[in-house]
Amino acid sequence: MTKFDFKDLILFENEDYIVINKPPHVATINERTADKSVSILRMAKEYSFDAQVGHRLDKETSGALAIAKNPEAYRHLAMQFEHREVTKRYHAVANGLHDFDSISVFLPISPVKDGTAVKIDRQKGKAAETVFFTLKAFRRHTLVECIPITGRMHQIRIHLQCLKAPIVCDPTYGGANVLLSSLKKDYKLKQETEERPIMQRVALHAFSLSFQLMNGATIKVEAPYPKDFAVLVKLLEKNS
């Protein structure tokens, strides 16, 4: 059984939409594996019969996720995604010090053969664009705001790698772990214990989502950092 109640994840709800703060390590849609573990879609349908997720977040990624409660609302949101009228803002902790002031990366992406990762592919790739801003520079890391213009798989992760700013704890795209011993000068590890990284997943969080409701009004929903992301940012601030 999951450690959370779907109702506790809700940040916004009306008769057409729900926006939740998706926890990390939970799949957006039902996975193909034999293990029929919990997914956001399954929980959403138990909560509201006709629910459909409007977009996807990777299993490890936390943050704002929109769910439509009826077919009309789903179509309305799908059209906004198609016309790139939905604004998504992600926060990521990147390795290295970077001063990004509205830096745009426009590099095409295609999936690697087994479909678990992507690569930059100027010949056959699909167009992908992300805009980056530095929110805060620490001693050896940077908190970056990422605004994807397109919605390709792993787009933010590979585009940051192209800027030599891979996301921490993202070995797929060259992101190194963050260890407390590397931040604290006087850190002492207990004998015969192995130090674990502060973050146990790719440090990427969907911070806000803005789209148009059925009545034409635009809403912007912000998703507070989950505990692991908040702890990482706090430790980087404290030790920089």
C-alpha atoms as a PDB file:
ATOM      1  CA  MET A   1       0.000   0.000   0.000  1.00  0.00           C
ATOM      2  CA  THR A   2       1.222   3.517  -0.765  1.00  0.00           C
ATOM      3  CA  LYS A   3       2.333   5.817   1.999  1.00  0.00           C
ATOM      4  CA  PHE A   4       0.091   8.646   0.802  1.00  0.00           C
ATOM      5  CA  ASP A   5      -3.552   9.397   0.127  1.00  0.00           C
ATOM      6  CA  PHE A   6      -4.404  10.822  -3.321  1.00  0.00           C
ATOM      7  CA  LYS A   7      -6.427  13.636  -1.660  1.00  0.00           C
ATOM      8  CA  ASP A   8      -3.265  14.792   0.131  1.00  0.00           C
ATOM      9  CA  LEU A   9      -1.492  15.308  -3.211  1.00  0.00           C
ATOM     10  CA  ILE A  10      -4.113  17.745  -4.586  1.00  0.00           C
ATOM     11  CA  LEU A  11      -2.955  21.353  -5.050  1.00  0.00           C
ATOM     12  CA  PHE A  12      -5.934  22.542  -7.135  1.00  0.00           C
ATOM     13  CA  GLU A  13      -9.319  21.093  -8.032  1.00  0.00           C
ATOM     14  CA  ASN A  14     -12.489  22.214  -9.780  1.00  0.00           C
ATOM     15  CA  GLU A  15     -15.208  20.328 -11.698  1.00  0.00           C
ATOM     16  CA  ASP A  16     -12.879  19.755 -14.691  1.00  0.00           C
ATOM     17  CA  TYR A  17      -9.300  19.516 -13.457  1.00  0.00           C
ATOM     18  CA  ILE A  18      -7.091  18.335 -10.640  1.00  0.00           C
ATOM     19  CA  VAL A  19      -3.471  19.440 -10.280  1.00  0.00           C
ATOM     20  CA  ILE A  20      -1.438  17.291  -7.921  1.00  0.00           C
ATOM     21  CA  ASN A  21       2.079  17.411  -6.490  1.00  0.00           C
ATOM     22  CA  LYS A  22       3.310  14.046  -7.781  1.00  0.00           C
ATOM     23  CA  PRO A  23       5.605  12.274  -5.337  1.00  0.00           C
ATOM     24  CA  PRO A  24       8.924  10.912  -6.636  1.00  0.00           C
ATOM     25  CA  HIS A  25       9.240   7.182  -7.481  1.00  0.00           C
ATOM     26  CA  VAL A  26       5.598   6.853  -8.580  1.00  0.00           C
ATOM     27  CA  ALA A  27       4.794   6.175 -12.251  1.00  0.00           C
ATOM     28  CA  THR A  28       2.394   8.587 -13.978  1.00  0.00           C
ATOM     29  CA  ILE A  29       0.634   5.835 -15.943  1.00  0.00           C
ATOM     30  CA  ASN A  30       0.396   2.088 -15.367  1.00  0.00           C
ATOM     31  CA  GLU A  31       3.701   0.401 -16.055  1.00  0.00           C
ATOM     32  CA  ARG A  32       4.023  -2.549 -18.403  1.00  0.00           C
ATOM     33  CA  THR A  33       5.881  -4.629 -15.829  1.00  0.00           C
ATOM     34  CA  ALA A  34       4.315  -7.615 -14.110  1.00  0.00           C
ATOM     35  CA  ASP A  35       4.466  -5.718 -10.826  1.00  0.00           C
ATOM     36  CA  LYS A  36       1.180  -3.818 -10.974  1.00  0.00           C
ATOM     37  CA  SER A  37       2.325  -1.235  -8.481  1.00  0.00           C
ATOM     38  CA  VAL A  38       0.565   2.027  -7.859  1.00  0.00           C
ATOM     39  CA  SER A  39       0.369   4.713 -10.554  1.00  0.00           C
ATOM     40  CA  ILE A  40      -1.006   8.250 -10.519  1.00  0.00           C
ATOM     41  CA  LEU A  41      -3.527   7.311 -13.230  1.00  0.00           C
ATOM     42  CA  ARG A  42      -4.873   4.402 -11.196  1.00  0.00           C
ATOM     43  CA  MET A  43      -5.231   6.526  -8.058  1.00  0.00           C
ATOM     44  CA  ALA A  44      -6.841   9.351 -10.059  1.00  0.00           C
ATOM     45  CA  LYS A  45      -9.452   6.975 -11.555  1.00  0.00           C
ATOM     46  CA  GLU A  46     -10.325   5.666  -8.100  1.00  0.00           C
ATOM     47  CA  TYR A  47     -10.823   9.278  -7.003  1.00  0.00           C
ATOM     48  CA  SER A  48     -12.664  10.458 -10.141  1.00  0.00           C
ATOM     49  CA  PHE A  49     -13.998   7.791 -12.538  1.00  0.00           C
ATOM     50  CA  ASP A  50     -13.258   9.506 -15.894  1.00  0.00           C
ATOM     51  CA  ALA A  51      -9.826  10.888 -14.917  1.00  0.00           C
ATOM     52  CA  GLN A  52      -7.072  11.087 -17.552  1.00  0.00           C
ATOM     53  CA  VAL A  53      -3.569  12.465 -17.040  1.00  0.00           C
ATOM     54  CA  GLY A  54      -2.942  15.492 -19.259  1.00  0.00           C
ATOM     55  CA  HIS A  55       0.820  14.886 -19.595  1.00  0.00           C
ATOM     56  CA  ARG A  56       3.516  12.754 -17.998  1.00  0.00           C
ATOM     57  CA  LEU A  57       6.312  13.146 -15.510  1.00  0.00           C
ATOM     58  CA  ASP A  58       9.106  10.574 -15.322  1.00  0.00           C
ATOM     59  CA  LYS A  59       8.764   8.114 -12.450  1.00  0.00           C
ATOM     60  CA  GLU A  60      11.608   9.777 -10.513  1.00  0.00           C
ATOM     61  CA  THR A  61      10.423  13.328 -11.182  1.00  0.00           C
ATOM     62  CA  SER A  62       8.211  15.037  -8.607  1.00  0.00           C
ATOM     63  CA  GLY A  63       5.903  18.007  -8.994  1.00  0.00           C
ATOM     64  CA  ALA A  64       2.909  19.604 -10.678  1.00  0.00           C
ATOM     65  CA  LEU A  65       0.849  17.213 -12.816  1.00  0.00           C
ATOM     66  CA  ALA A  66      -2.524  18.060 -14.408  1.00  0.00           C
ATOM     67  CA  ILE A  67      -5.357  15.543 -14.549  1.00  0.00           C
ATOM     68  CA  ALA A  68      -8.596  16.043 -16.497  1.00  0.00           C
ATOM     69  CA  LYS A  69     -11.833  14.803 -14.877  1.00  0.00           C
ATOM     70  CA  ASN A  70     -13.879  14.466 -18.080  1.00  0.00           C
ATOM     71  CA  PRO A  71     -13.266  13.961 -21.843  1.00  0.00           C
ATOM     72  CA  GLU A  72     -14.014  17.621 -22.745  1.00  0.00           C
ATOM     73  CA  ALA A  73     -11.514  18.897 -20.202  1.00  0.00           C
ATOM     74  CA  TYR A  74      -8.942  16.380 -21.450  1.00  0.00           C
ATOM     75  CA  ARG A  75      -9.375  17.565 -25.069  1.00  0.00           C
ATOM     76  CA  HIS A  76      -9.177  21.215 -23.974  1.00  0.00           C
ATOM     77  CA  LEU A  77      -5.862  20.568 -22.186  1.00  0.00           C
ATOM     78  CA  ALA A  78      -4.481  18.348 -24.976  1.00  0.00           C
ATOM     79  CA  MET A  79      -5.060  21.160 -27.502  1.00  0.00           C
ATOM     80  CA  GLN A  80      -3.165  23.587 -25.254  1.00  0.00           C
ATOM     81  CA  PHE A  81      -0.225  21.184 -25.077  1.00  0.00           C
ATOM     82  CA  GLU A  82      -0.344  20.742 -28.851  1.00  0.00           C
ATOM     83  CA  HIS A  83      -0.284  24.509 -29.432  1.00  0.00           C
ATOM     84  CA  ARG A  84       2.412  24.973 -26.739  1.00  0.00           C
ATOM     85  CA  GLU A  85       0.142  27.163 -24.628  1.00  0.00           C
ATOM     86  CA  VAL A  86       0.904  25.343 -21.358  1.00  0.00           C
ATOM     87  CA  THR A  87       3.805  26.777 -19.363  1.00  0.00           C
ATOM     88  CA  LYS A  88       5.801  24.273 -17.327  1.00  0.00           C
ATOM     89  CA  ARG A  89       8.621  25.376 -15.052  1.00  0.00           C
ATOM     90  CA  TYR A  90      10.974  22.808 -13.587  1.00  0.00           C
ATOM     91  CA  HIS A  91      13.656  23.255 -10.956  1.00  0.00           C
ATOM     92  CA  ALA A  92      16.836  21.190 -11.175  1.00  0.00           C
ATOM     93  CA  VAL A  93      20.042  21.040  -9.163  1.00  0.00           C
ATOM     94  CA  ALA A  94      22.926  20.901 -11.642  1.00  0.00           C
ATOM     95  CA  ASN A  95      26.571  19.979 -11.177  1.00  0.00           C
ATOM     96  CA  GLY A  96      28.940  22.945 -11.509  1.00  0.00           C
ATOM     97  CA  LEU A  97      28.529  26.727 -11.363  1.00  0.00           C
ATOM     98  CA  HIS A  98      26.488  28.248 -14.173  1.00  0.00           C
ATOM     99  CA  ASP A  99      25.117  31.670 -14.995  1.00  0.00           C
ATOM    100  CA  PHE A 100      22.152  30.981 -17.251  1.00  0.00           C
ATOM    101  CA  ASP A 101      20.199  34.100 -18.156  1.00  0.00           C
ATOM    102  CA  SER A 102      17.475  32.899 -20.529  1.00  0.00           C
ATOM    103  CA  ILE A 103      19.823  30.490 -22.337  1.00  0.00           C
ATOM    104  CA  SER A 104      17.931  28.541 -24.977  1.00  0.00           C
ATOM    105  CA  VAL A 105      19.012  25.068 -26.106  1.00  0.00           C
ATOM    106  CA  PHE A 106      17.481  24.050 -29.423  1.00  0.00           C
ATOM    107  CA  LEU A 107      18.792  20.554 -30.192  1.00  0.00           C
ATOM    108  CA  PRO A 108      16.837  17.648 -31.715  1.00  0.00           C
ATOM    109  CA  ILE A 109      16.392  14.455 -29.701  1.00  0.00           C
ATOM    110  CA  SER A 110      15.829  10.826 -30.613  1.00  0.00           C
ATOM    111  CA  PRO A 111      15.459   7.754 -28.367  1.00  0.00           C
ATOM    112  CA  VAL A 112      18.373   5.377 -27.874  1.00  0.00           C
ATOM    113  CA  LYS A 113      17.578   1.885 -29.275  1.00  0.00           C
ATOM    114  CA  ASP A 114      16.228   0.305 -26.063  1.00  0.00           C
ATOM    115  CA  GLY A 115      14.014   3.333 -25.393  1.00  0.00           C
ATOM    116  CA  THR A 116      15.297   4.026 -21.857  1.00  0.00           C
ATOM    117  CA  ALA A 117      17.316   7.126 -22.764  1.00  0.00           C
ATOM    118  CA  VAL A 118      17.722   9.728 -25.509  1.00  0.00           C
ATOM    119  CA  LYS A 119      20.520  11.257 -27.568  1.00  0.00           C
ATOM    120  CA  ILE A 120      21.036  14.440 -29.564  1.00  0.00           C
ATOM    121  CA  ASP A 121      20.400  13.499 -33.189  1.00  0.00           C
ATOM    122  CA  ARG A 122      20.713  16.299 -35.742  1.00  0.00           C
ATOM    123  CA  GLN A 123      19.711  14.017 -38.636  1.00  0.00           C
ATOM    124  CA  LYS A 124      16.695  12.076 -37.371  1.00  0.00           C
ATOM    125  CA  GLY A 125      15.845  13.718 -34.050  1.00  0.00           C
ATOM    126  CA  LYS A 126      12.619  15.555 -33.243  1.00  0.00           C
ATOM    127  CA  ALA A 127      12.858  19.294 -32.563  1.00  0.00           C
ATOM    128  CA  ALA A 128      13.333  20.082 -28.866  1.00  0.00           C
ATOM    129  CA  GLU A 129      13.810  23.408 -27.104  1.00  0.00           C
ATOM    130  CA  THR A 130      14.396  24.329 -23.456  1.00  0.00           C
ATOM    131  CA  VAL A 131      15.104  27.716 -21.853  1.00  0.00           C
ATOM    132  CA  PHE A 132      17.268  27.908 -18.695  1.00  0.00           C
ATOM    133  CA  PHE A 133      17.682  30.459 -15.905  1.00  0.00           C
ATOM    134  CA  THR A 134      20.005  30.352 -12.900  1.00  0.00           C
ATOM    135  CA  LEU A 135      17.970  30.715  -9.700  1.00  0.00           C
ATOM    136  CA  LYS A 136      20.832  30.315  -7.224  1.00  0.00           C
ATOM    137  CA  ALA A 137      24.527  29.476  -7.421  1.00  0.00           C
ATOM    138  CA  PHE A 138      26.050  27.516  -4.550  1.00  0.00           C
ATOM    139  CA  ARG A 139      29.694  26.517  -4.075  1.00  0.00           C
ATOM    140  CA  ARG A 140      29.862  23.768  -6.700  1.00  0.00           C
ATOM    141  CA  HIS A 141      26.216  23.415  -7.765  1.00  0.00           C
ATOM    142  CA  THR A 142      23.486  25.546  -9.320  1.00  0.00           C
ATOM    143  CA  LEU A 143      19.710  25.637  -8.835  1.00  0.00           C
ATOM    144  CA  VAL A 144      18.334  26.065 -12.361  1.00  0.00           C
ATOM    145  CA  GLU A 145      14.849  26.913 -13.625  1.00  0.00           C
ATOM    146  CA  CYS A 146      14.067  24.994 -16.824  1.00  0.00           C
ATOM    147  CA  ILE A 147      11.219  25.894 -19.170  1.00  0.00           C
ATOM    148  CA  PRO A 148      10.637  23.214 -21.823  1.00  0.00           C
ATOM    149  CA  ILE A 149       9.043  24.653 -24.960  1.00  0.00           C
ATOM    150  CA  THR A 150       8.554  21.157 -26.402  1.00  0.00           C
ATOM    151  CA  GLY A 151       7.781  17.999 -24.421  1.00  0.00           C
ATOM    152  CA  ARG A 152      10.271  15.321 -25.430  1.00  0.00           C
ATOM    153  CA  MET A 153      11.355  12.472 -23.175  1.00  0.00           C
ATOM    154  CA  HIS A 154      14.366  13.404 -20.970  1.00  0.00           C
ATOM    155  CA  GLN A 155      14.584  16.739 -22.777  1.00  0.00           C
ATOM    156  CA  ILE A 156      15.652  18.856 -19.790  1.00  0.00           C
ATOM    157  CA  ARG A 157      18.164  16.248 -18.663  1.00  0.00           C
ATOM    158  CA  ILE A 158      19.984  15.933 -21.994  1.00  0.00           C
ATOM    159  CA  HIS A 159      19.835  19.671 -22.762  1.00  0.00           C
ATOM    160  CA  LEU A 160      21.491  20.426 -19.403  1.00  0.00           C
ATOM    161  CA  GLN A 161      24.140  17.839 -20.208  1.00  0.00           C
ATOM    162  CA  CYS A 162      24.772  19.758 -23.471  1.00  0.00           C
ATOM    163  CA  LEU A 163      25.399  22.888 -21.366  1.00  0.00           C
ATOM    164  CA  LYS A 164      27.915  20.914 -19.238  1.00  0.00           C
ATOM    165  CA  ALA A 165      25.469  21.218 -16.357  1.00  0.00           C
ATOM    166  CA  PRO A 166      24.114  17.688 -15.860  1.00  0.00           C
ATOM    167  CA  ILE A 167      21.525  17.226 -13.124  1.00  0.00           C
ATOM    168  CA  VAL A 168      22.937  15.772  -9.904  1.00  0.00           C
ATOM    169  CA  CYS A 169      22.282  12.081  -9.326  1.00  0.00           C
ATOM    170  CA  ASP A 170      21.616  11.518 -13.050  1.00  0.00           C
ATOM    171  CA  PRO A 171      24.257   8.987 -14.164  1.00  0.00           C
ATOM    172  CA  THR A 172      22.475   8.474 -17.523  1.00  0.00           C
ATOM    173  CA  TYR A 173      23.454  12.006 -18.580  1.00  0.00           C
ATOM    174  CA  GLY A 174      26.675  12.451 -16.611  1.00  0.00           C
ATOM    175  CA  GLY A 175      25.306  13.885 -13.372  1.00  0.00           C
ATOM    176  CA  ALA A 176      27.383  13.121 -10.258  1.00  0.00           C
ATOM    177  CA  ASN A 177      25.953  12.365  -6.819  1.00  0.00           C
ATOM    178  CA  VAL A 178      26.108  14.906  -3.989  1.00  0.00           C
ATOM    179  CA  LEU A 179      27.704  13.591  -0.796  1.00  0.00           C
ATOM    180  CA  LEU A 180      27.524  15.362   2.540  1.00  0.00           C
ATOM    181  CA  SER A 181      31.258  14.747   2.999  1.00  0.00           C
ATOM    182  CA  SER A 182      31.944  16.871  -0.098  1.00  0.00           C
ATOM    183  CA  LEU A 183      29.940  19.780   1.357  1.00  0.00           C
ATOM    184  CA  LYS A 184      30.956  19.701   5.025  1.00  0.00           C
ATOM    185  CA  LYS A 185      34.629  20.208   5.838  1.00  0.00           C
ATOM    186  CA  ASP A 186      34.442  18.472   9.216  1.00  0.00           C
ATOM    187  CA  TYR A 187      32.168  15.619   8.118  1.00  0.00           C
ATOM    188  CA  LYS A 188      33.068  12.301   9.720  1.00  0.00           C
ATOM    189  CA  LEU A 189      31.601   9.050   8.457  1.00  0.00           C
ATOM    190  CA  LYS A 190      31.079   6.229  10.934  1.00  0.00           C
ATOM    191  CA  GLN A 191      33.584   3.439  10.427  1.00  0.00           C
ATOM    192  CA  GLU A 192      32.601   0.640   8.083  1.00  0.00           C
ATOM    193  CA  THR A 193      29.558   2.474   6.774  1.00  0.00           C
ATOM    194  CA  GLU A 194      29.186   3.519   3.180  1.00  0.00           C
ATOM    195  CA  GLU A 195      28.110   7.092   2.587  1.00  0.00           C
ATOM    196  CA  ARG A 196      24.858   7.451   0.652  1.00  0.00           C
ATOM    197  CA  PRO A 197      24.155  10.361  -1.695  1.00  0.00           C
ATOM    198  CA  ILE A 198      21.948  13.132  -0.257  1.00  0.00           C
ATOM    199  CA  MET A 199      19.576  12.708  -3.203  1.00  0.00           C
ATOM    200  CA  GLN A 200      18.553   9.191  -4.269  1.00  0.00           C
ATOM    201  CA  ARG A 201      17.036  10.242  -7.607  1.00  0.00           C
ATOM    202  CA  VAL A 202      17.509  12.704 -10.449  1.00  0.00           C
ATOM    203  CA  ALA A 203      17.204  16.159  -8.802  1.00  0.00           C
ATOM    204  CA  LEU A 204      14.363  17.413 -11.009  1.00  0.00           C
ATOM    205  CA  HIS A 205      11.046  18.846  -9.790  1.00  0.00           C
ATOM    206  CA  ALA A 206       8.116  20.212 -11.823  1.00  0.00           C
ATOM    207  CA  PHE A 207       7.741  23.442  -9.863  1.00  0.00           C
ATOM    208  CA  SER A 208       4.797  25.086 -11.619  1.00  0.00           C
ATOM    209  CA  LEU A 209       2.198  24.567 -14.298  1.00  0.00           C
ATOM    210  CA  SER A 210       0.010  27.139 -15.946  1.00  0.00           C
ATOM    211  CA  PHE A 211      -2.856  26.493 -18.370  1.00  0.00           C
ATOM    212  CA  GLN A 212      -6.336  27.682 -19.317  1.00  0.00           C
ATOM    213  CA  LEU A 213      -9.453  26.366 -17.608  1.00  0.00           C
ATOM    214  CA  MET A 214     -12.659  25.581 -19.520  1.00  0.00           C
ATOM    215  CA  ASN A 215     -14.034  29.079 -18.752  1.00  0.00           C
ATOM    216  CA  GLY A 216     -10.981  30.745 -20.322  1.00  0.00           C
ATOM    217  CA  ALA A 217      -9.336  31.761 -17.046  1.00  0.00           C
ATOM    218  CA  THR A 218      -5.618  30.945 -16.720  1.00  0.00           C
ATOM    219  CA  ILE A 219      -4.372  29.282 -13.560  1.00  0.00           C
ATOM    220  CA  LYS A 220      -0.829  28.845 -12.308  1.00  0.00           C
ATOM    221  CA  VAL A 221      -0.250  26.124  -9.731  1.00  0.00           C
ATOM    222  CA  GLU A 222       3.020  25.841  -7.811  1.00  0.00           C
ATOM    223  CA  ALA A 223       4.144  22.560  -6.268  1.00  0.00           C
ATOM    224  CA  PRO A 224       6.264  22.815  -3.094  1.00  0.00           C
ATOM    225  CA  TYR A 225       9.523  20.846  -3.102  1.00  0.00           C
ATOM    226  CA  PRO A 226       9.237  17.310  -1.720  1.00  0.00           C
ATOM    227  CA  LYS A 227      11.369  16.511   1.317  1.00  0.00           C
ATOM    228  CA  ASP A 228      14.410  15.073  -0.520  1.00  0.00           C
ATOM    229  CA  PHE A 229      14.698  18.045  -2.910  1.00  0.00           C
ATOM    230  CA  ALA A 230      14.145  20.597  -0.125  1.00  0.00           C
ATOM    231  CA  VAL A 231      16.840  18.944   2.041  1.00  0.00           C
ATOM    232  CA  LEU A 232      19.350  18.981  -0.831  1.00  0.00           C
ATOM    233  CA  VAL A 233      18.759  22.688  -1.563  1.00  0.00           C
ATOM    234  CA  LYS A 234      18.944  23.559   2.153  1.00  0.00           C
ATOM    235  CA  LEU A 235      22.248  21.681   2.611  1.00  0.00           C
ATOM    236  CA  LEU A 236      23.747  23.341  -0.477  1.00  0.00           C
ATOM    237  CA  GLU A 237      22.681  26.785   0.845  1.00  0.00           C
ATOM    238  CA  LYS A 238      24.038  26.079   4.314  1.00  0.00           C
ATOM    239  CA  ASN A 239      27.404  24.880   3.048  1.00  0.00           C
ATOM    240  CA  SER A 240      28.129  27.367   0.318  1.00  0.00           C
END
